[in-house]
Amino acid sequence: MNRFISYYRVSTKKQKESGLGLQAQKDTVMNYVNHKNGILLKEFREVESGKKNDRPMLTQAMEQCRLYGATLLIAKLDRLSRDAVFLLQLQRGDVPFTACDMPDANVMTVGIMALLAQQEREMISRRTKEGLAVLKAGGKKLGGWRKKSHRFSQQDIEKATVARNEKESAYRSRVIPVIRDLRSAGLSYRKICNRLEDLGIKTYHKKTNWHPNVVRKLLLSW
């Protein structure tokens, strides 16, 4: 079954209080969910300008999509953002999204933006090659083996360790609260495993099957 988490955005507090635009977004989203025989897990709403990309509720919605393996669903593409760069970054990220008014936006609209960016990269690459050709013609030696290029410095290793720890910490912050709530409800570790699998929540290593020992260790580590 298709799993969705919706995100609604209005631009002013007046619109939020009056419900202007919000109900229309909700109706559009529910019609899409029903058409896809899907399930709407959660809803998030925010009062913010489409020009701003720093939006707490959108961040929360995306975190929940990662947790449940769901698709971020919006009524209209401009409800997500009016910033082309932001949309491109989102498309390349790990959270799939769909705009009800343009279901193929991921492929069509954002794809066109990506093609324009690709064209710019190719132009830069061509200019770089032309510049290197000029240097080579002038007698400058290019290329060659670099001894250090095949070694990881201590700084590289430390950065990789920090990145790995941050990724694991982010995962724990999403999953452990869910496990803790299930445990507080009186569920055994085995039943918690079954519930997590039913919710579509995967382990840190992207496995769909949970083991009681993994659940226990996560709770003890919190």
Protein backbone atom coordinates (compact mmCIF):
# COMPACT_ATOMS: atom_id res chain seq x y z
CA MET A 1 0.00 0.00 0.00
CA ASN A 2 1.24 3.50 -0.88
CA ARG A 3 2.18 5.42 2.25
CA PHE A 4 2.02 9.23 2.36
CA ILE A 5 2.79 12.08 4.74
CA SER A 6 1.26 15.38 3.71
CA TYR A 7 2.64 18.89 3.98
CA TYR A 8 0.44 21.98 3.72
CA ARG A 9 1.71 25.55 3.54
CA VAL A 10 -0.07 28.90 3.74
CA SER A 11 1.73 32.21 3.40
CA THR A 12 0.06 34.27 6.12
CA LYS A 13 -1.36 33.81 9.61
CA LYS A 14 -4.64 35.26 8.31
CA GLN A 15 -4.90 32.42 5.80
CA LYS A 16 -4.20 29.90 8.56
CA GLU A 17 -6.89 31.32 10.84
CA SER A 18 -9.48 31.55 8.08
CA GLY A 19 -8.60 28.19 6.58
CA LEU A 20 -8.31 29.91 3.21
CA GLY A 21 -6.39 27.61 0.89
CA LEU A 22 -5.68 25.05 3.60
CA GLN A 23 -8.88 23.07 3.19
CA ALA A 24 -8.46 23.06 -0.58
CA GLN A 25 -4.97 21.58 -0.14
CA LYS A 26 -6.28 18.91 2.23
CA ASP A 27 -9.10 17.98 -0.16
CA THR A 28 -6.66 17.69 -3.07
CA VAL A 29 -4.31 15.51 -1.04
CA MET A 30 -7.06 13.18 0.19
CA ASN A 31 -8.46 12.75 -3.32
CA TYR A 32 -4.99 11.77 -4.52
CA VAL A 33 -4.45 9.33 -1.63
CA ASN A 34 -7.82 7.68 -2.26
CA HIS A 35 -7.13 7.48 -5.99
CA LYS A 36 -3.87 5.68 -5.25
CA ASN A 37 -5.51 3.38 -2.70
CA GLY A 38 -2.97 4.71 -0.24
CA ILE A 39 -2.86 5.66 3.41
CA LEU A 40 -2.13 9.08 4.90
CA LEU A 41 0.03 8.52 7.97
CA LYS A 42 0.48 12.09 9.20
CA GLU A 43 -0.19 15.70 8.28
CA PHE A 44 2.02 18.76 8.75
CA ARG A 45 1.07 22.38 8.18
CA GLU A 46 3.12 25.57 8.22
CA VAL A 47 2.70 29.33 7.89
CA GLU A 48 5.68 30.53 5.88
CA SER A 49 6.66 32.22 2.64
CA GLY A 50 7.49 29.98 -0.30
CA LYS A 51 10.73 31.95 -0.72
CA LYS A 52 12.09 30.65 2.58
CA ASN A 53 13.56 27.15 2.69
CA ASP A 54 14.29 27.00 6.43
CA ARG A 55 10.96 25.54 7.57
CA PRO A 56 10.75 23.43 10.77
CA MET A 57 7.49 21.66 9.90
CA LEU A 58 8.75 20.68 6.45
CA THR A 59 11.89 19.30 8.11
CA GLN A 60 9.73 17.27 10.51
CA ALA A 61 7.58 15.97 7.67
CA MET A 62 10.68 14.81 5.78
CA GLU A 63 12.05 13.13 8.93
CA GLN A 64 8.80 11.21 9.28
CA CYS A 65 9.00 10.18 5.63
CA ARG A 66 12.45 8.74 6.30
CA LEU A 67 11.17 6.96 9.39
CA TYR A 68 8.14 5.36 7.75
CA GLY A 69 9.50 5.01 4.24
CA ALA A 70 6.67 7.24 3.03
CA THR A 71 6.29 9.73 0.19
CA LEU A 72 5.99 13.45 0.97
CA LEU A 73 2.71 14.60 -0.58
CA ILE A 74 1.80 18.20 -1.39
CA ALA A 75 -1.23 19.66 -3.12
CA LYS A 76 0.72 21.99 -5.42
CA LEU A 77 4.39 22.22 -6.28
CA ASP A 78 4.60 25.87 -5.20
CA ARG A 79 3.37 24.85 -1.73
CA LEU A 80 6.70 23.08 -1.33
CA SER A 81 9.01 25.81 -2.57
CA ARG A 82 9.45 28.46 -5.26
CA ASP A 83 13.21 28.02 -5.18
CA ALA A 84 14.50 25.91 -8.07
CA VAL A 85 17.76 25.05 -6.32
CA PHE A 86 15.88 23.85 -3.24
CA LEU A 87 13.67 21.60 -5.37
CA LEU A 88 16.71 20.13 -7.11
CA GLN A 89 18.34 19.35 -3.78
CA LEU A 90 15.15 17.72 -2.57
CA GLN A 91 14.88 15.61 -5.71
CA ARG A 92 18.43 14.34 -5.20
CA GLY A 93 17.74 13.60 -1.53
CA ASP A 94 16.41 10.48 0.14
CA VAL A 95 12.80 11.65 0.52
CA PRO A 96 10.53 11.03 -2.49
CA PHE A 97 7.86 13.68 -3.02
CA THR A 98 4.80 14.08 -5.20
CA ALA A 99 2.78 17.17 -6.11
CA CYS A 100 -0.89 16.33 -6.68
CA ASP A 101 -1.31 19.00 -9.33
CA MET A 102 1.77 17.72 -11.20
CA PRO A 103 2.33 14.04 -10.32
CA ASP A 104 5.22 13.84 -12.80
CA ALA A 105 6.98 16.91 -11.40
CA ASN A 106 9.85 14.81 -10.11
CA VAL A 107 10.61 13.71 -13.65
CA MET A 108 9.36 16.59 -15.74
CA THR A 109 9.55 19.95 -13.97
CA VAL A 110 12.46 19.30 -11.64
CA GLY A 111 14.12 17.23 -14.35
CA ILE A 112 14.17 20.25 -16.66
CA MET A 113 15.88 22.25 -13.93
CA ALA A 114 18.44 19.48 -13.59
CA LEU A 115 19.09 19.54 -17.34
CA LEU A 116 19.77 23.27 -17.22
CA ALA A 117 22.19 22.73 -14.35
CA GLN A 118 23.85 19.92 -16.30
CA GLN A 119 24.26 22.20 -19.30
CA GLU A 120 25.98 24.79 -17.12
CA ARG A 121 28.32 22.13 -15.68
CA GLU A 122 29.23 21.01 -19.21
CA MET A 123 30.00 24.59 -20.22
CA ILE A 124 32.30 24.97 -17.21
CA SER A 125 33.98 21.66 -18.01
CA ARG A 126 34.52 22.72 -21.62
CA ARG A 127 36.05 26.04 -20.57
CA THR A 128 38.33 24.20 -18.11
CA LYS A 129 39.54 21.81 -20.81
CA GLU A 130 40.18 24.69 -23.17
CA GLY A 131 42.16 26.47 -20.48
CA LEU A 132 44.25 23.37 -19.78
CA ALA A 133 44.94 22.98 -23.49
CA VAL A 134 46.31 26.53 -23.59
CA LEU A 135 48.58 25.81 -20.62
CA LYS A 136 49.81 22.58 -22.21
CA ALA A 137 50.53 24.34 -25.48
CA GLY A 138 52.60 26.84 -23.50
CA GLY A 139 54.82 24.05 -22.22
CA LYS A 140 53.33 23.55 -18.76
CA LYS A 141 53.40 19.92 -17.58
CA LEU A 142 49.93 18.65 -16.61
CA GLY A 143 48.72 15.53 -14.84
CA GLY A 144 51.06 12.99 -13.31
CA TRP A 145 50.85 10.67 -10.35
CA ARG A 146 50.47 12.23 -6.94
CA LYS A 147 51.75 10.16 -4.04
CA LYS A 148 49.38 11.68 -1.49
CA SER A 149 46.32 11.37 -3.73
CA HIS A 150 46.05 7.65 -2.94
CA ARG A 151 46.13 8.10 0.82
CA PHE A 152 43.50 9.23 3.31
CA SER A 153 44.75 11.79 5.77
CA GLN A 154 43.88 11.67 9.47
CA GLN A 155 41.59 14.62 8.87
CA ASP A 156 39.72 12.69 6.16
CA ILE A 157 39.24 9.76 8.53
CA GLU A 158 38.00 12.03 11.33
CA LYS A 159 35.52 13.73 9.00
CA ALA A 160 34.18 10.36 7.83
CA THR A 161 33.80 9.22 11.44
CA VAL A 162 31.91 12.38 12.39
CA ALA A 163 29.60 12.03 9.37
CA ARG A 164 28.90 8.39 10.21
CA ASN A 165 28.16 9.22 13.85
CA GLU A 166 25.83 12.06 12.85
CA LYS A 167 23.93 9.76 10.49
CA GLU A 168 23.52 7.10 13.18
CA SER A 169 22.48 9.71 15.75
CA ALA A 170 19.82 11.10 13.39
CA TYR A 171 18.46 7.61 12.83
CA ARG A 172 18.28 6.91 16.56
CA SER A 173 16.48 10.19 17.24
CA ARG A 174 13.76 9.15 14.77
CA VAL A 175 13.33 5.52 15.73
CA ILE A 176 13.94 5.30 19.48
CA PRO A 177 10.96 7.53 20.47
CA VAL A 178 8.66 5.17 18.55
CA ILE A 179 10.17 2.11 20.23
CA ARG A 180 9.98 3.78 23.63
CA ASP A 181 6.28 4.56 23.19
CA LEU A 182 5.56 0.97 22.16
CA ARG A 183 7.47 -0.33 25.16
CA SER A 184 5.59 2.04 27.48
CA ALA A 185 2.35 0.61 26.09
CA GLY A 186 3.39 -2.78 27.49
CA LEU A 187 4.53 -4.49 24.29
CA SER A 188 7.22 -7.15 24.48
CA TYR A 189 10.39 -6.81 22.42
CA ARG A 190 9.05 -9.37 19.96
CA LYS A 191 5.74 -7.53 19.57
CA ILE A 192 7.62 -4.26 19.14
CA CYS A 193 9.54 -5.90 16.30
CA ASN A 194 6.28 -6.96 14.67
CA ARG A 195 4.82 -3.48 15.07
CA LEU A 196 7.89 -1.79 13.57
CA GLU A 197 7.69 -4.13 10.59
CA ASP A 198 3.97 -3.36 10.19
CA LEU A 199 4.76 0.37 10.21
CA GLY A 200 7.38 -0.12 7.52
CA ILE A 201 10.19 1.18 9.73
CA LYS A 202 13.55 -0.31 8.74
CA THR A 203 16.64 -0.99 10.81
CA TYR A 204 19.72 1.23 10.57
CA HIS A 205 21.12 -1.14 7.96
CA LYS A 206 17.92 -0.87 5.85
CA LYS A 207 16.62 -4.32 6.82
CA THR A 208 12.88 -4.90 7.08
CA ASN A 209 13.13 -7.64 9.73
CA TRP A 210 13.75 -6.60 13.33
CA HIS A 211 15.27 -8.70 16.13
CA PRO A 212 14.36 -8.27 19.82
CA ASN A 213 18.02 -7.82 20.78
CA VAL A 214 18.32 -4.87 18.39
CA VAL A 215 15.25 -3.23 19.93
CA ARG A 216 16.59 -3.83 23.45
CA LYS A 217 20.00 -2.34 22.63
CA LEU A 218 18.42 0.75 21.11
CA LEU A 219 16.37 1.36 24.24
CA LEU A 220 19.40 0.86 26.51
CA SER A 221 21.48 3.25 24.42
CA TRP A 222 19.00 6.13 24.75
